[in-house]
Protein backbone atom coordinates (compact mmCIF):
# COMPACT_ATOMS: atom_id res chain seq x y z
CA MET A 1 79.99 91.65 101.45
CA ALA A 2 81.83 89.36 99.09
CA GLY A 3 81.63 89.93 95.20
CA LEU A 4 80.48 92.64 92.91
CA GLY A 5 76.91 93.82 93.79
CA ILE A 6 75.24 94.32 90.39
CA GLY A 7 72.25 97.01 90.07
CA LEU A 8 70.40 96.60 86.87
CA ILE A 9 68.12 99.24 85.56
CA GLY A 10 65.26 97.85 83.10
CA THR A 11 63.75 94.32 82.43
CA GLY A 12 62.91 94.30 78.78
CA PHE A 13 64.76 92.50 76.54
CA MET A 14 68.28 94.21 76.83
CA GLY A 15 67.43 93.92 80.75
CA LYS A 16 67.23 90.45 80.75
CA THR A 17 70.18 89.76 78.35
CA HIS A 18 72.37 91.76 81.08
CA ALA A 19 70.66 89.53 84.13
CA LEU A 20 71.63 86.28 82.04
CA ALA A 21 74.99 87.53 81.35
CA TRP A 22 75.74 88.46 84.92
CA GLY A 23 74.82 85.11 86.05
CA ALA A 24 76.39 83.17 83.45
CA ALA A 25 80.09 85.20 82.95
CA ARG A 26 81.76 83.25 85.81
CA ALA A 27 80.43 79.88 85.19
CA VAL A 28 81.32 79.86 81.53
CA LEU A 29 84.31 82.15 80.99
CA GLY A 30 86.41 81.25 84.37
CA ARG A 31 86.54 81.33 88.32
CA ASP A 32 89.12 83.76 88.06
CA LEU A 33 86.44 86.25 87.13
CA PRO A 34 85.29 88.34 90.26
CA GLU A 35 82.21 86.93 91.99
CA VAL A 36 79.06 88.79 91.39
CA ARG A 37 75.90 89.44 93.46
CA LEU A 38 72.76 90.26 91.76
CA GLU A 39 71.88 92.96 94.34
CA MET A 40 69.20 95.14 93.17
CA LEU A 41 66.64 95.38 90.20
CA CYS A 42 65.09 98.43 89.33
CA ASP A 43 61.48 99.10 87.06
CA THR A 44 58.62 100.68 87.32
CA PRO A 45 56.03 100.24 88.98
CA GLN A 46 57.50 98.96 91.85
CA ASP A 47 55.28 95.62 91.85
CA ARG A 48 56.93 94.90 88.41
CA ALA A 49 60.44 95.28 89.60
CA ALA A 50 59.41 92.98 92.75
CA GLU A 51 57.96 90.28 90.26
CA MET A 52 61.37 90.60 88.02
CA ALA A 53 63.57 90.76 90.68
CA ASP A 54 62.33 87.17 91.71
CA GLN A 55 62.63 86.02 88.12
CA PHE A 56 65.84 87.24 87.50
CA GLY A 57 67.44 86.32 90.87
CA PHE A 58 67.90 89.71 92.39
CA ALA A 59 67.91 90.19 95.81
CA ARG A 60 65.91 93.37 96.22
CA ALA A 61 63.70 95.68 93.87
CA THR A 62 63.05 99.17 93.60
CA GLY A 63 61.15 101.79 91.30
CA ASP A 64 63.39 104.44 91.99
CA TRP A 65 66.66 104.34 89.89
CA ARG A 66 68.30 106.85 92.26
CA ALA A 67 67.99 104.65 95.08
CA LEU A 68 69.82 101.85 93.00
CA VAL A 69 72.82 103.87 91.70
CA THR A 70 73.57 105.43 95.05
CA ASP A 71 73.12 102.19 97.23
CA PRO A 72 76.28 101.04 99.05
CA ALA A 73 75.92 97.60 98.05
CA VAL A 74 75.94 98.24 94.33
CA ASP A 75 79.27 98.33 92.94
CA VAL A 76 78.27 98.11 89.14
CA VAL A 77 75.18 99.31 87.03
CA SER A 78 73.86 97.88 83.89
CA ILE A 79 71.58 100.61 82.06
CA THR A 80 69.54 98.98 79.46
CA THR A 81 66.48 102.03 79.55
CA PRO A 82 65.34 103.89 76.92
CA ASN A 83 67.99 106.07 75.13
CA ASN A 84 66.37 109.19 76.77
CA LEU A 85 67.51 108.14 80.35
CA HIS A 86 71.03 106.74 79.55
CA HIS A 87 72.88 110.05 80.08
CA GLU A 88 71.60 111.04 83.33
CA MET A 89 71.41 107.53 84.89
CA ALA A 90 75.08 107.25 83.82
CA CYS A 91 76.62 110.43 85.18
CA THR A 92 74.54 110.05 88.36
CA ALA A 93 75.95 106.47 89.05
CA LEU A 94 79.63 107.38 87.68
CA ARG A 95 79.21 110.44 90.48
CA ALA A 96 78.32 108.03 92.93
CA GLY A 97 81.56 105.67 92.33
CA LYS A 98 80.06 103.18 90.51
CA HIS A 99 81.00 100.88 87.15
CA VAL A 100 79.00 101.10 84.51
CA TRP A 101 77.70 99.25 81.78
CA CYS A 102 75.23 101.10 79.37
CA GLU A 103 73.27 99.90 76.11
CA LYS A 104 73.70 101.70 73.03
CA PRO A 105 73.56 104.52 71.96
CA MET A 106 75.02 106.46 74.49
CA ALA A 107 72.66 109.32 74.56
CA LEU A 108 70.09 111.78 72.68
CA THR A 109 72.84 114.18 71.78
CA LEU A 110 76.69 114.12 70.82
CA ALA A 111 76.99 116.91 73.54
CA GLU A 112 75.34 114.32 76.22
CA ALA A 113 77.61 111.63 75.00
CA GLU A 114 80.56 113.55 75.46
CA GLU A 115 79.36 114.49 79.17
CA MET A 116 79.11 110.98 79.86
CA ALA A 117 82.42 110.36 78.50
CA GLN A 118 83.97 113.19 80.59
CA ALA A 119 82.02 111.85 83.81
CA ALA A 120 83.38 108.52 83.32
CA HIS A 121 87.49 109.83 83.02
CA GLU A 122 86.53 112.09 86.11
CA ALA A 123 85.39 108.90 88.30
CA GLY A 124 88.01 106.87 87.11
CA ALA A 125 85.60 104.17 87.00
CA VAL A 126 85.50 101.07 84.47
CA THR A 127 82.57 101.48 81.68
CA MET A 128 81.63 99.89 78.72
CA VAL A 129 79.00 100.61 76.00
CA GLY A 130 76.73 97.25 74.93
CA TYR A 131 78.41 96.80 71.62
CA ASN A 132 78.05 93.11 71.64
CA TYR A 133 78.42 92.04 68.15
CA ILE A 134 81.99 93.12 68.11
CA ARG A 135 82.65 90.28 70.60
CA ASN A 136 81.74 87.36 67.95
CA PRO A 137 84.61 85.30 67.71
CA ALA A 138 83.83 85.56 63.92
CA PHE A 139 84.13 89.29 63.93
CA LEU A 140 87.40 88.61 66.07
CA HIS A 141 88.87 86.36 63.74
CA ALA A 142 88.12 88.46 60.55
CA LYS A 143 90.03 91.59 62.68
CA LYS A 144 93.15 89.06 63.58
CA LEU A 145 93.31 88.22 59.62
CA ILE A 146 93.07 91.90 58.44
CA GLU A 147 95.95 92.59 61.16
CA GLU A 148 97.87 89.81 59.82
CA GLY A 149 97.60 91.29 56.41
CA ARG A 150 96.16 88.03 55.16
CA ILE A 151 93.93 90.18 52.70
CA GLY A 152 96.88 92.75 52.23
CA ARG A 153 95.98 96.40 52.46
CA VAL A 154 92.36 97.40 53.38
CA VAL A 155 91.23 99.51 50.25
CA HIS A 156 87.38 99.32 50.32
CA VAL A 157 84.64 98.58 53.20
CA ARG A 158 80.88 98.26 52.35
CA GLY A 159 78.23 97.54 55.00
CA TRP A 160 74.57 97.75 55.51
CA VAL A 161 72.16 97.11 58.16
CA ASP A 162 68.49 96.83 57.78
CA GLU A 163 65.63 95.41 59.70
CA ASP A 164 61.76 96.11 58.93
CA TYR A 165 60.18 97.03 62.78
CA GLN A 166 59.26 100.34 60.99
CA ALA A 167 58.48 99.38 57.61
CA ASP A 168 54.51 99.22 58.10
CA PRO A 169 53.11 102.83 57.70
CA ASP A 170 50.06 101.72 59.70
CA LEU A 171 52.31 100.78 62.79
CA PRO A 172 51.43 102.93 65.78
CA TRP A 173 53.39 105.90 66.97
CA THR A 174 55.74 105.14 69.57
CA TRP A 175 58.74 107.18 71.38
CA ARG A 176 61.08 105.89 68.85
CA ALA A 177 59.92 108.24 66.57
CA ARG A 178 60.67 111.89 68.77
CA LEU A 179 63.67 113.16 68.79
CA GLN A 180 63.52 114.31 72.64
CA ASP A 181 62.86 110.46 73.45
CA ALA A 182 65.09 108.75 71.08
CA GLY A 183 67.37 110.64 69.45
CA LEU A 184 68.61 109.83 66.36
CA GLY A 185 66.15 106.95 64.22
CA THR A 186 67.96 104.08 62.45
CA LEU A 187 71.57 105.52 63.23
CA GLY A 188 71.02 105.17 66.86
CA ASP A 189 69.21 101.67 67.04
CA LEU A 190 71.13 100.08 64.02
CA GLY A 191 73.82 102.23 62.22
CA CYS A 192 76.03 102.56 65.36
CA HIS A 193 76.40 98.68 65.47
CA LEU A 194 77.52 98.84 62.04
CA VAL A 195 80.19 101.87 62.74
CA SER A 196 81.48 99.91 65.85
CA MET A 197 82.41 96.86 63.39
CA VAL A 198 83.63 98.95 60.23
CA VAL A 199 85.88 100.91 62.38
CA GLY A 200 87.12 98.17 64.32
CA LEU A 201 88.22 96.31 61.31
CA ALA A 202 89.17 99.38 58.89
CA GLY A 203 90.07 101.99 61.30
CA PRO A 204 89.20 105.25 62.45
CA ILE A 205 86.97 107.29 59.97
CA GLU A 206 88.20 110.49 58.73
CA SER A 207 85.45 112.25 56.92
CA LEU A 208 82.03 111.23 55.34
CA VAL A 209 79.29 112.34 53.17
CA ALA A 210 75.88 111.21 54.03
CA ASP A 211 71.81 111.74 53.31
CA THR A 212 68.90 110.40 55.62
CA GLN A 213 65.47 109.94 54.77
CA ILE A 214 62.00 109.93 56.71
CA ILE A 215 59.71 107.24 54.58
CA HIS A 216 56.58 107.89 56.79
CA ASP A 217 56.13 111.37 57.86
CA THR A 218 53.57 110.20 60.45
CA ARG A 219 52.14 107.58 62.30
CA PRO A 220 48.61 106.91 63.82
CA LEU A 221 48.78 107.72 67.61
CA PRO A 222 47.96 104.90 69.73
CA ASP A 223 45.04 106.47 71.22
CA GLY A 224 43.39 106.91 67.90
CA SER A 225 42.91 110.62 68.26
CA GLY A 226 45.06 111.42 65.11
CA ARG A 227 48.56 110.98 63.53
CA GLY A 228 52.15 112.05 65.17
CA ALA A 229 55.06 113.37 63.47
CA VAL A 230 58.04 111.14 62.79
CA GLU A 231 61.03 113.61 64.00
CA ASN A 232 63.93 111.11 62.87
CA GLU A 233 65.45 109.27 60.03
CA ASP A 234 64.19 105.72 58.73
CA THR A 235 67.28 105.06 56.42
CA ALA A 236 70.54 106.65 56.01
CA THR A 237 73.45 106.30 53.92
CA ALA A 238 77.09 107.54 53.97
CA LEU A 239 80.21 107.49 51.73
CA LEU A 240 83.23 107.25 54.07
CA ARG A 241 86.78 108.14 53.84
CA PHE A 242 89.11 106.10 56.34
CA ALA A 243 92.43 107.46 57.89
CA ASN A 244 94.63 104.57 56.65
CA GLY A 245 93.42 105.60 52.91
CA ALA A 246 90.35 103.29 52.27
CA HIS A 247 87.04 104.34 51.06
CA GLY A 248 84.03 102.93 51.54
CA SER A 249 79.98 103.25 51.95
CA ILE A 250 77.50 102.12 55.01
CA SER A 251 73.69 102.40 54.95
CA SER A 252 71.13 101.52 57.47
CA SER A 253 67.40 101.05 57.32
CA ARG A 254 64.82 100.39 59.87
CA SER A 255 61.79 100.53 56.96
CA ALA A 256 63.41 97.30 54.87
CA TRP A 257 60.74 95.07 54.56
CA GLY A 258 61.72 91.08 55.24
CA ARG A 259 65.03 92.15 56.88
CA LYS A 260 65.28 91.17 60.39
CA ASN A 261 68.91 91.62 61.30
CA LYS A 262 70.58 92.16 58.04
CA LEU A 263 73.88 93.18 59.59
CA ASP A 264 76.34 92.53 56.71
CA TRP A 265 79.86 93.90 55.92
CA GLU A 266 82.62 93.16 53.14
CA ILE A 267 86.33 94.14 53.80
CA HIS A 268 88.29 94.50 50.49
CA GLY A 269 91.92 94.25 50.40
CA THR A 270 94.72 93.97 47.60
CA ARG A 271 95.19 90.54 48.58
CA GLY A 272 91.59 89.24 49.12
CA MET A 273 88.52 90.00 50.87
CA ILE A 274 86.19 89.03 53.94
CA CYS A 275 82.46 88.94 54.02
CA PHE A 276 80.30 88.64 57.21
CA ALA A 277 76.55 88.10 57.81
CA GLN A 278 74.89 88.73 61.28
CA GLU A 279 72.04 86.41 60.55
CA ARG A 280 74.67 83.69 59.75
CA MET A 281 76.70 84.84 62.77
CA ASN A 282 79.05 81.75 62.97
CA GLU A 283 80.41 81.90 59.52
CA LEU A 284 82.86 84.14 57.70
CA GLN A 285 83.41 84.21 53.77
CA VAL A 286 86.96 84.60 53.00
CA TYR A 287 88.42 85.03 49.48
CA LEU A 288 92.17 85.12 49.04
CA ASN A 289 94.05 85.73 45.75
CA GLU A 290 96.45 82.29 46.20
CA GLY A 291 96.97 79.31 44.54
CA PRO A 292 95.97 78.08 40.92
CA LYS A 293 93.56 80.41 39.54
CA ALA A 294 90.96 77.46 38.82
CA GLU A 295 90.81 76.56 42.55
CA GLN A 296 90.23 79.67 43.71
CA GLY A 297 87.04 80.82 45.28
CA PHE A 298 85.14 81.63 48.44
CA ARG A 299 85.77 79.50 51.51
CA THR A 300 83.42 79.31 54.31
CA ILE A 301 84.90 79.50 57.94
CA LEU A 302 82.72 78.15 60.85
CA SER A 303 83.21 79.27 64.24
CA GLY A 304 84.72 76.84 66.59
CA PRO A 305 87.17 76.26 69.39
CA GLU A 306 90.31 77.89 67.72
CA HIS A 307 88.29 81.10 67.74
CA PRO A 308 88.45 82.61 71.42
CA PRO A 309 86.42 82.44 73.58
CA PHE A 310 83.96 80.24 71.72
CA SER A 311 85.30 77.03 73.54
CA ALA A 312 84.43 78.53 76.55
CA PHE A 313 80.69 77.78 75.67
CA VAL A 314 80.75 74.90 73.21
CA PRO A 315 83.83 72.60 72.93
CA ALA A 316 83.02 71.62 69.12
CA PRO A 317 82.90 73.71 65.62
CA GLY A 318 79.32 73.94 63.89
CA HIS A 319 77.49 74.28 67.58
CA GLN A 320 76.49 78.14 67.19
CA LEU A 321 76.85 80.88 69.82
CA GLY A 322 73.97 83.56 69.99
CA PHE A 323 72.94 86.61 70.63
CA GLY A 324 72.87 86.18 74.48
CA ASP A 325 76.07 84.57 74.42
CA LEU A 326 77.99 87.91 73.32
CA LYS A 327 76.52 89.41 76.30
CA THR A 328 78.03 87.00 78.21
CA ILE A 329 81.49 87.61 76.85
CA GLU A 330 80.66 91.81 77.35
CA ALA A 331 79.86 91.01 81.36
CA ALA A 332 82.98 88.74 81.40
CA ASP A 333 85.27 91.50 79.64
CA LEU A 334 83.86 94.16 81.96
CA LEU A 335 84.89 92.17 85.18
CA THR A 336 88.24 91.24 83.97
CA ALA A 337 88.66 95.02 83.42
CA ILE A 338 87.31 95.82 87.03
CA ARG A 339 89.71 92.81 88.64
CA ASP A 340 92.66 94.26 86.82
CA GLY A 341 92.21 97.58 87.15
CA GLY A 342 92.32 98.71 83.47
CA GLN A 343 89.46 99.58 81.10
CA ALA A 344 86.84 97.54 78.91
CA TYR A 345 86.45 97.95 75.41
CA PRO A 346 84.46 100.03 74.14
CA SER A 347 84.59 102.19 77.04
CA MET A 348 82.72 105.44 76.98
CA GLN A 349 85.65 107.12 75.58
CA ASP A 350 85.97 104.63 73.05
CA ALA A 351 82.14 104.64 72.13
CA LEU A 352 82.04 108.06 71.95
CA VAL A 353 84.14 107.58 68.57
CA PHE A 354 81.04 105.63 67.21
CA GLU A 355 78.68 108.48 68.24
CA ARG A 356 80.59 111.05 66.61
CA VAL A 357 80.26 109.46 63.56
CA ILE A 358 76.31 108.57 63.45
CA HIS A 359 75.72 112.34 64.31
CA ALA A 360 78.34 113.51 61.64
CA ILE A 361 76.19 111.55 59.08
CA ALA A 362 73.04 113.15 60.76
CA ASP A 363 75.00 116.65 60.38
CA SER A 364 75.73 115.76 56.78
CA ALA A 365 72.17 115.39 55.67
CA ARG A 366 71.15 118.45 57.41
CA ARG A 367 73.63 120.50 56.00
CA GLY A 368 72.59 119.35 52.31
CA CYS A 369 75.03 116.08 52.03
CA CYS A 370 78.26 118.33 52.98
CA ARG A 371 81.28 116.58 53.69
CA VAL A 372 82.22 116.36 57.45
CA THR A 373 85.62 115.81 58.88
CA LEU A 374 85.80 114.11 62.18
């Protein structure tokens, strides 16, 4: 059959972004990308799978994910399920000879994430983990400025990522509160995105000291029968030392009232600094210690055609890209890697670095804020 057969597991928010990205990648980013066939979609129950397959444009539907990952017409598997299913689905798909695009976090535990990376290595497959924020043209431009030495040597990093989806103490208990279903809390949901960005900008993290907090120890059970325990962290804070000598700090909260997607960072150098706020994802704030002191100050850089691959979506600056566009770039990068016989970034081996950081933060907290070397 012509083109690559795509199998999608999961039809929630992330499932929809994958479906849209697969459909848009070649149209937006070039005909030199491999063609794709939306071959099979999986969800439960079966009737929902059939309904969503029709909506998303997939040829077939199934309620059995094992049938999807072993189907000979499926070449690439998108995994957008809850965290506790990633490990088994990804490993099974890789052993069946499929390429895999898996949402973050990779798994519930570091051991499971290591097994996924090893399975990917043994299979020789192309893999990618869904860190779409590092596809942002604004982020890529910041990375370029740093690599060119525009802000001098990086000396300090600060970052924070806050949302309020768990701020309400009366919000009912869900699977996200249980270790065996969700794994880490704010670190797995939010903090890993921040880690992917600061590592991409400042390089590997060498060691850290951290602490975490559960703000709401219990939550009301949905059936009204009592209260369920919250087993994973609502907040996390870490002091970092980078391999290049820079120091820094990161923090994350899923219980920060008023914050919707406050994923912000500052990179401080010896000649200037760069600031970014995800809620204004098409802007960078840059300060350079250049020129007359009376004229120095932060300047705003708006994403535009000069910041690849912005122009593939919009021909004019100030016409913003969005969350879904970053997923389209992800899909295109995965297709490019398959076409060229290379690896996408972050592969499962690359993303394992981020997993090690978030689990080191949790480990440091468990051990009473002990320093952990990565």
